[in-house]
N, C-alpha and C. Protein backbone atom coordinates (compact mmCIF):
# COMPACT_ATOMS: atom_id res chain seq x y z
N MET A 1 -13.69 -15.40 -39.73
CA MET A 1 -12.77 -16.22 -40.56
C MET A 1 -12.93 -17.63 -41.11
N ALA A 2 -12.66 -17.71 -42.23
CA ALA A 2 -13.14 -19.16 -42.76
C ALA A 2 -11.84 -20.17 -42.46
N GLY A 3 -12.34 -21.34 -42.48
CA GLY A 3 -11.46 -22.36 -42.22
C GLY A 3 -10.31 -22.46 -42.16
N LYS A 4 -9.55 -22.44 -43.48
CA LYS A 4 -8.04 -22.31 -43.30
C LYS A 4 -7.71 -21.14 -42.84
N ASN A 5 -8.15 -20.16 -42.79
CA ASN A 5 -7.53 -18.86 -42.33
C ASN A 5 -7.81 -19.03 -40.54
N ARG A 6 -8.50 -19.49 -40.27
CA ARG A 6 -8.41 -20.28 -39.14
C ARG A 6 -7.49 -20.82 -38.51
N LEU A 7 -6.85 -21.94 -39.44
CA LEU A 7 -6.04 -22.61 -38.96
C LEU A 7 -4.66 -22.17 -39.18
N SER A 8 -4.46 -21.36 -39.80
CA SER A 8 -3.33 -20.38 -39.95
C SER A 8 -2.86 -19.51 -39.22
N ALA A 9 -4.31 -18.75 -38.58
CA ALA A 9 -4.02 -18.02 -37.42
C ALA A 9 -3.79 -18.46 -36.21
N GLU A 10 -4.25 -19.95 -36.02
CA GLU A 10 -3.81 -20.65 -34.80
C GLU A 10 -2.26 -21.03 -34.75
N ARG A 11 -2.28 -21.70 -36.14
CA ARG A 11 -0.41 -21.65 -36.41
C ARG A 11 0.19 -20.91 -35.93
N LEU A 12 -0.12 -19.79 -36.12
CA LEU A 12 0.84 -18.37 -36.18
C LEU A 12 0.96 -17.99 -34.40
N ARG A 13 -0.51 -17.83 -33.75
CA ARG A 13 -0.11 -18.07 -32.49
C ARG A 13 0.32 -18.88 -31.45
N GLU A 14 0.28 -20.16 -32.10
CA GLU A 14 1.17 -21.28 -31.38
C GLU A 14 2.86 -21.32 -31.40
N SER A 15 3.21 -20.41 -32.46
CA SER A 15 4.51 -20.10 -32.72
C SER A 15 4.93 -18.91 -32.05
N GLY A 16 4.00 -18.24 -31.77
CA GLY A 16 4.64 -16.88 -30.69
C GLY A 16 4.50 -15.47 -31.91
N LEU A 17 3.50 -15.65 -33.05
CA LEU A 17 3.36 -14.85 -33.93
C LEU A 17 2.16 -14.22 -33.97
N ARG A 18 1.78 -13.06 -33.91
CA ARG A 18 0.48 -12.14 -33.92
C ARG A 18 -0.01 -12.40 -35.53
N PRO A 19 -1.17 -13.11 -35.44
CA PRO A 19 -1.90 -13.21 -36.51
C PRO A 19 -2.45 -11.81 -37.23
N THR A 20 -1.51 -11.51 -38.04
CA THR A 20 -1.84 -10.13 -38.74
C THR A 20 -2.78 -10.52 -40.45
N ARG A 21 -3.19 -9.98 -40.86
CA ARG A 21 -4.18 -10.27 -42.07
C ARG A 21 -3.11 -10.63 -43.17
N GLN A 22 -1.93 -10.02 -43.26
CA GLN A 22 -1.16 -10.45 -44.28
C GLN A 22 -0.12 -11.91 -43.78
N ARG A 23 0.03 -11.66 -42.47
CA ARG A 23 1.19 -13.44 -41.89
C ARG A 23 -0.31 -14.56 -42.24
N VAL A 24 -1.29 -14.26 -42.03
CA VAL A 24 -2.59 -15.08 -41.97
C VAL A 24 -2.79 -15.50 -43.63
N ALA A 25 -2.80 -14.51 -44.55
CA ALA A 25 -2.60 -14.79 -46.07
C ALA A 25 -1.60 -15.79 -46.35
N LEU A 26 -0.13 -15.11 -46.29
CA LEU A 26 0.87 -15.80 -46.74
C LEU A 26 1.03 -17.23 -46.17
N ALA A 27 0.58 -17.11 -44.67
CA ALA A 27 0.58 -18.77 -44.28
C ALA A 27 -0.32 -19.77 -44.85
N ASP A 28 -1.68 -19.03 -45.24
CA ASP A 28 -2.42 -19.79 -45.99
C ASP A 28 -2.01 -20.42 -47.30
N LEU A 29 -1.35 -19.48 -48.24
CA LEU A 29 -1.12 -19.70 -49.20
C LEU A 29 0.74 -20.65 -49.31
N LEU A 30 1.39 -20.69 -48.37
CA LEU A 30 2.57 -21.29 -48.07
C LEU A 30 2.18 -22.62 -47.52
N PHE A 31 1.21 -22.75 -46.77
CA PHE A 31 1.25 -24.14 -46.13
C PHE A 31 -0.19 -25.11 -46.85
N ALA A 32 -1.11 -24.53 -47.71
CA ALA A 32 -2.19 -25.08 -48.45
C ALA A 32 -1.72 -26.13 -49.24
N LYS A 33 -0.26 -26.34 -49.57
CA LYS A 33 0.04 -27.39 -50.71
C LYS A 33 0.76 -28.39 -50.06
N GLY A 34 1.15 -28.40 -48.74
CA GLY A 34 1.82 -29.20 -47.56
C GLY A 34 3.28 -29.20 -48.09
N ASP A 35 4.22 -29.97 -48.06
CA ASP A 35 5.45 -29.80 -47.81
C ASP A 35 6.14 -29.45 -49.01
N ARG A 36 6.74 -28.14 -49.06
CA ARG A 36 7.08 -27.77 -50.40
C ARG A 36 8.18 -26.55 -49.88
N HIS A 37 9.06 -26.47 -51.10
CA HIS A 37 10.13 -25.68 -50.78
C HIS A 37 9.94 -24.52 -52.05
N VAL A 38 9.93 -23.06 -51.15
CA VAL A 38 9.85 -22.14 -52.16
C VAL A 38 10.50 -20.92 -51.85
N THR A 39 10.76 -19.88 -53.07
CA THR A 39 11.55 -18.66 -52.87
C THR A 39 10.68 -17.70 -52.45
N VAL A 40 11.43 -16.61 -51.73
CA VAL A 40 10.48 -15.15 -51.93
C VAL A 40 9.56 -14.81 -52.87
N GLU A 41 10.23 -15.16 -54.21
CA GLU A 41 9.85 -14.45 -55.27
C GLU A 41 8.56 -15.53 -55.83
N GLU A 42 8.74 -16.74 -55.58
CA GLU A 42 7.70 -17.53 -56.06
C GLU A 42 6.52 -17.27 -54.91
N LEU A 43 6.63 -17.29 -53.81
CA LEU A 43 5.14 -17.00 -53.02
C LEU A 43 4.68 -15.63 -53.14
N HIS A 44 5.43 -14.41 -53.33
CA HIS A 44 5.07 -13.39 -53.72
C HIS A 44 4.60 -13.47 -54.90
N GLY A 45 4.88 -14.21 -55.82
CA GLY A 45 3.70 -14.45 -57.36
C GLY A 45 2.86 -15.11 -57.30
N GLU A 46 2.72 -16.06 -56.19
CA GLU A 46 1.35 -16.88 -55.53
C GLU A 46 0.35 -15.49 -55.13
N ALA A 47 1.16 -14.85 -53.99
CA ALA A 47 0.18 -14.07 -53.30
C ALA A 47 -0.42 -12.90 -54.64
N GLN A 48 0.28 -12.38 -55.33
CA GLN A 48 -0.19 -11.48 -56.36
C GLN A 48 -1.53 -12.03 -57.25
N GLU A 49 -1.04 -13.49 -57.79
CA GLU A 49 -2.30 -14.18 -58.48
C GLU A 49 -3.54 -14.64 -57.69
N ALA A 50 -3.61 -14.63 -56.39
CA ALA A 50 -4.50 -14.91 -55.35
C ALA A 50 -5.00 -13.40 -54.57
N GLY A 51 -4.56 -12.43 -55.32
CA GLY A 51 -4.91 -10.97 -54.93
C GLY A 51 -4.76 -10.68 -53.63
N VAL A 52 -3.52 -11.25 -53.21
CA VAL A 52 -3.23 -10.49 -51.58
C VAL A 52 -2.15 -9.30 -51.67
N PRO A 53 -2.30 -8.20 -51.56
CA PRO A 53 -1.59 -7.15 -51.43
C PRO A 53 -0.60 -7.11 -50.81
N VAL A 54 0.53 -7.94 -51.12
CA VAL A 54 1.75 -7.58 -50.26
C VAL A 54 3.15 -7.03 -51.08
N SER A 55 4.02 -6.65 -50.46
CA SER A 55 5.35 -6.03 -51.05
C SER A 55 6.48 -7.36 -51.14
N LEU A 56 7.02 -7.19 -52.16
CA LEU A 56 8.32 -8.19 -51.76
C LEU A 56 8.87 -8.24 -50.71
N ALA A 57 9.17 -7.20 -50.34
CA ALA A 57 9.57 -7.04 -49.14
C ALA A 57 8.85 -7.65 -47.74
N THR A 58 7.73 -7.67 -47.57
CA THR A 58 6.73 -8.16 -46.81
C THR A 58 7.03 -9.77 -46.96
N VAL A 59 6.79 -10.42 -47.89
CA VAL A 59 7.09 -12.00 -48.37
C VAL A 59 8.19 -12.31 -47.37
N TYR A 60 9.36 -11.41 -48.08
CA TYR A 60 10.87 -11.70 -47.32
C TYR A 60 11.03 -11.64 -46.00
N ASN A 61 10.41 -10.47 -45.63
CA ASN A 61 10.35 -10.45 -43.79
C ASN A 61 9.26 -11.61 -43.25
N THR A 62 8.32 -11.59 -43.84
CA THR A 62 7.47 -12.61 -43.21
C THR A 62 8.29 -14.15 -43.14
N LEU A 63 8.65 -14.42 -44.24
CA LEU A 63 9.37 -15.77 -44.60
C LEU A 63 10.47 -15.95 -43.13
N HIS A 64 11.25 -14.79 -43.14
CA HIS A 64 11.97 -14.96 -42.00
C HIS A 64 11.28 -14.93 -40.64
N GLN A 65 10.27 -14.23 -40.46
CA GLN A 65 9.81 -14.55 -39.26
C GLN A 65 9.26 -15.68 -38.81
N PHE A 66 8.67 -16.45 -40.32
CA PHE A 66 8.26 -17.85 -39.97
C PHE A 66 9.51 -18.53 -39.44
N THR A 67 10.40 -18.48 -39.99
CA THR A 67 11.88 -19.13 -39.60
C THR A 67 12.07 -19.26 -38.33
N GLY A 68 12.45 -17.96 -38.01
CA GLY A 68 12.82 -17.84 -36.25
C GLY A 68 11.28 -18.28 -35.51
N ALA A 69 10.36 -18.31 -36.00
CA ALA A 69 9.54 -18.92 -34.89
C ALA A 69 9.31 -20.66 -35.30
N GLY A 70 10.33 -20.83 -36.46
CA GLY A 70 9.91 -22.54 -35.98
C GLY A 70 9.44 -23.24 -37.05
N MET A 71 8.52 -22.11 -37.68
CA MET A 71 7.40 -22.86 -38.54
C MET A 71 8.21 -23.60 -39.97
N ILE A 72 8.80 -22.88 -40.42
CA ILE A 72 9.59 -23.24 -41.63
C ILE A 72 11.23 -23.34 -41.52
N ARG A 73 12.09 -24.02 -42.28
CA ARG A 73 13.28 -23.83 -42.25
C ARG A 73 14.11 -23.31 -43.47
N VAL A 74 15.09 -22.42 -43.38
CA VAL A 74 15.72 -21.90 -44.50
C VAL A 74 16.86 -22.90 -45.09
N LEU A 75 16.71 -22.96 -46.40
CA LEU A 75 17.74 -23.71 -47.15
C LEU A 75 18.38 -22.74 -48.14
N ALA A 76 19.72 -22.55 -47.74
CA ALA A 76 20.60 -21.71 -49.03
C ALA A 76 20.86 -22.77 -50.12
N VAL A 77 20.88 -22.57 -51.17
CA VAL A 77 21.21 -23.60 -52.03
C VAL A 77 22.52 -22.97 -52.87
N GLU A 78 22.52 -21.91 -53.57
CA GLU A 78 23.43 -21.50 -54.66
C GLU A 78 23.23 -19.89 -54.17
N GLY A 79 24.41 -19.51 -53.73
CA GLY A 79 24.81 -18.12 -53.50
C GLY A 79 23.67 -17.46 -52.91
N ALA A 80 22.93 -16.58 -53.50
CA ALA A 80 21.90 -15.91 -52.94
C ALA A 80 20.70 -16.78 -53.17
N LYS A 81 20.78 -17.89 -53.59
CA LYS A 81 19.30 -18.72 -53.85
C LYS A 81 19.27 -19.24 -52.62
N THR A 82 17.77 -18.80 -52.33
CA THR A 82 17.46 -19.03 -50.83
C THR A 82 15.88 -19.57 -50.94
N TYR A 83 15.51 -20.60 -50.18
CA TYR A 83 14.51 -21.89 -50.34
C TYR A 83 13.94 -21.93 -49.09
N PHE A 84 12.57 -21.72 -48.59
CA PHE A 84 11.73 -21.93 -47.54
C PHE A 84 11.22 -23.18 -47.61
N ASP A 85 11.50 -23.92 -46.59
CA ASP A 85 10.72 -25.17 -46.55
C ASP A 85 9.81 -25.66 -45.66
N THR A 86 8.54 -25.93 -45.91
CA THR A 86 7.78 -26.12 -45.14
C THR A 86 7.61 -27.43 -44.19
N ASN A 87 8.76 -28.47 -44.37
CA ASN A 87 8.89 -29.58 -43.92
C ASN A 87 10.10 -29.24 -42.64
N THR A 88 9.76 -28.98 -41.59
CA THR A 88 11.01 -28.81 -40.38
C THR A 88 11.60 -29.92 -39.73
N SER A 89 11.21 -31.03 -40.19
CA SER A 89 11.81 -32.09 -39.67
C SER A 89 13.28 -32.42 -40.10
N ASP A 90 14.15 -33.27 -39.48
CA ASP A 90 15.40 -33.27 -39.91
C ASP A 90 15.51 -34.42 -41.29
N HIS A 91 16.02 -33.62 -42.33
CA HIS A 91 15.80 -34.34 -43.66
C HIS A 91 16.98 -33.48 -44.62
N HIS A 92 17.27 -34.45 -45.61
CA HIS A 92 18.13 -33.51 -46.70
C HIS A 92 17.51 -33.39 -48.21
N HIS A 93 18.15 -32.89 -49.06
CA HIS A 93 17.63 -32.65 -50.47
C HIS A 93 18.49 -32.78 -51.53
N PHE A 94 18.02 -32.88 -52.50
CA PHE A 94 18.67 -32.92 -53.55
C PHE A 94 18.04 -31.62 -54.33
N PHE A 95 19.14 -30.99 -55.16
CA PHE A 95 18.85 -29.93 -55.77
C PHE A 95 19.32 -29.90 -57.49
N VAL A 96 18.29 -29.78 -58.23
CA VAL A 96 18.17 -30.11 -59.63
C VAL A 96 18.69 -28.75 -60.44
N GLU A 97 19.88 -28.91 -60.36
CA GLU A 97 20.70 -28.01 -61.25
C GLU A 97 19.90 -27.61 -62.75
N GLY A 98 20.14 -26.31 -63.18
CA GLY A 98 19.35 -25.95 -64.41
C GLY A 98 17.90 -25.39 -64.05
N GLU A 99 17.07 -26.42 -63.32
CA GLU A 99 15.89 -26.21 -63.06
C GLU A 99 15.65 -25.85 -61.62
N ASN A 100 16.68 -25.58 -61.04
CA ASN A 100 16.48 -24.73 -59.55
C ASN A 100 14.84 -25.63 -58.95
N GLU A 101 14.99 -26.86 -58.71
CA GLU A 101 14.19 -27.35 -58.12
C GLU A 101 14.74 -28.18 -56.80
N VAL A 102 14.31 -28.03 -55.57
CA VAL A 102 14.93 -28.82 -54.47
C VAL A 102 13.39 -29.94 -54.12
N ILE A 103 14.22 -31.09 -54.06
CA ILE A 103 13.56 -32.24 -53.76
C ILE A 103 13.84 -32.55 -52.30
N ASP A 104 13.26 -33.16 -51.58
CA ASP A 104 13.15 -34.12 -50.08
C ASP A 104 13.54 -35.20 -50.37
N MET A 105 14.77 -35.76 -49.73
CA MET A 105 15.43 -37.06 -50.18
C MET A 105 14.88 -37.77 -49.21
N PRO A 106 14.62 -38.91 -49.54
CA PRO A 106 14.13 -39.98 -48.47
C PRO A 106 14.93 -39.95 -46.95
N GLU A 107 14.53 -40.42 -45.94
CA GLU A 107 15.02 -40.45 -44.65
C GLU A 107 16.34 -41.10 -44.61
N SER A 108 16.04 -42.41 -45.50
CA SER A 108 17.13 -43.37 -44.96
C SER A 108 18.35 -43.26 -46.23
N SER A 109 17.94 -42.36 -46.86
CA SER A 109 19.17 -42.20 -48.11
C SER A 109 20.67 -42.11 -47.83
N ILE A 110 20.79 -41.25 -46.48
CA ILE A 110 22.02 -40.75 -46.25
C ILE A 110 22.56 -40.97 -44.71
N SER A 111 23.61 -41.19 -44.32
CA SER A 111 23.83 -41.51 -43.02
C SER A 111 24.85 -41.00 -42.66
N LEU A 112 25.29 -39.95 -41.76
CA LEU A 112 26.01 -39.34 -41.05
C LEU A 112 26.89 -39.80 -39.97
N GLY A 113 27.76 -39.69 -40.15
CA GLY A 113 28.93 -40.07 -39.06
C GLY A 113 30.23 -39.08 -39.19
N GLY A 114 30.72 -39.24 -38.04
CA GLY A 114 32.20 -38.64 -37.84
C GLY A 114 32.20 -37.08 -37.74
N LEU A 115 30.81 -36.57 -37.39
CA LEU A 115 30.95 -35.16 -37.46
C LEU A 115 31.90 -34.57 -36.42
N PRO A 116 32.46 -33.39 -36.82
CA PRO A 116 33.50 -32.62 -35.90
C PRO A 116 33.02 -32.35 -34.52
N GLN A 117 33.79 -32.14 -33.66
CA GLN A 117 33.06 -31.68 -32.40
C GLN A 117 33.01 -30.02 -32.18
N PRO A 118 32.04 -29.55 -32.06
CA PRO A 118 31.92 -28.11 -32.37
C PRO A 118 32.48 -27.71 -31.04
N PRO A 119 32.84 -26.13 -31.44
CA PRO A 119 33.87 -25.63 -30.32
C PRO A 119 33.37 -25.17 -29.09
N GLU A 120 34.03 -25.14 -27.92
CA GLU A 120 33.50 -25.02 -26.66
C GLU A 120 32.47 -24.04 -26.47
N GLY A 121 31.36 -24.71 -25.84
CA GLY A 121 30.11 -23.59 -25.70
C GLY A 121 28.99 -23.75 -26.85
N MET A 122 29.25 -24.52 -27.90
CA MET A 122 28.54 -24.41 -29.00
C MET A 122 27.84 -26.19 -29.15
N GLU A 123 27.09 -26.10 -29.94
CA GLU A 123 26.53 -27.26 -30.38
C GLU A 123 25.91 -27.34 -31.59
N ILE A 124 26.04 -28.66 -32.22
CA ILE A 124 25.08 -28.61 -33.65
C ILE A 124 23.84 -28.66 -33.50
N SER A 125 23.44 -27.83 -34.30
CA SER A 125 21.83 -27.87 -34.21
C SER A 125 21.13 -28.70 -35.16
N HIS A 126 21.52 -28.82 -36.27
CA HIS A 126 21.30 -29.63 -36.90
C HIS A 126 22.33 -29.96 -38.38
N VAL A 127 22.42 -30.46 -39.52
CA VAL A 127 23.09 -30.43 -40.31
C VAL A 127 22.30 -30.61 -41.91
N ASP A 128 22.45 -30.01 -42.62
CA ASP A 128 21.78 -29.60 -44.33
C ASP A 128 22.78 -30.42 -45.08
N VAL A 129 22.44 -31.13 -45.72
CA VAL A 129 23.16 -32.07 -46.71
C VAL A 129 22.54 -31.76 -48.12
N VAL A 130 22.92 -31.09 -49.14
CA VAL A 130 22.29 -30.97 -50.48
C VAL A 130 23.12 -31.75 -51.47
N VAL A 131 22.53 -32.86 -52.11
CA VAL A 131 22.93 -33.52 -53.19
C VAL A 131 22.53 -32.62 -54.61
N ARG A 132 23.48 -32.25 -55.29
CA ARG A 132 23.30 -31.50 -56.56
C ARG A 132 23.16 -32.58 -57.76
N LEU A 133 21.71 -32.54 -58.39
CA LEU A 133 21.86 -33.34 -59.74
C LEU A 133 21.74 -32.60 -61.10
N ARG A 134 21.80 -33.45 -61.99
CA ARG A 134 21.75 -32.69 -63.39
C ARG A 134 21.54 -33.76 -63.98
N PRO A 135 20.83 -33.73 -65.25
CA PRO A 135 20.78 -34.75 -66.37
C PRO A 135 22.01 -35.63 -66.85
N ARG A 136 21.94 -36.94 -66.83
CA ARG A 136 23.05 -37.95 -67.53
C ARG A 136 23.77 -37.25 -68.84
N ARG A 137 24.94 -37.23 -68.87
CA ARG A 137 25.60 -36.98 -70.27
C ARG A 137 25.66 -38.02 -70.88
N ASN A 138 25.49 -38.30 -72.05
CA ASN A 138 25.51 -39.52 -72.84
C ASN A 138 26.74 -39.61 -73.37
């Protein structure tokens, strides 16, 4: 296995996932560019360009497996538009309307307080804040 394949395979094992050829290839593509936000369609396009033979359904299922294993986070922005975030730390996002771009918000940008008490037997796992942006109108 090449160097980055080995790293991806190890990352998958550490997350409790079997490092299949397709998972390793998609992990290589997903994590090679550092922290970023991708859609299923974008990663599928990258896979096609890289010559990785995977279907759109396989990319969808694999990203959800990565999410379930804690390797990435899912971020629902607009209705059916879902992004997958390789940065799993607690942080918030800007969403640029019209460009469909998600940008990580600097850590100290927002302070949350006064969250409601969760129902009995439940706890808050995390809070996602998405601030929508658009170009200024003159």
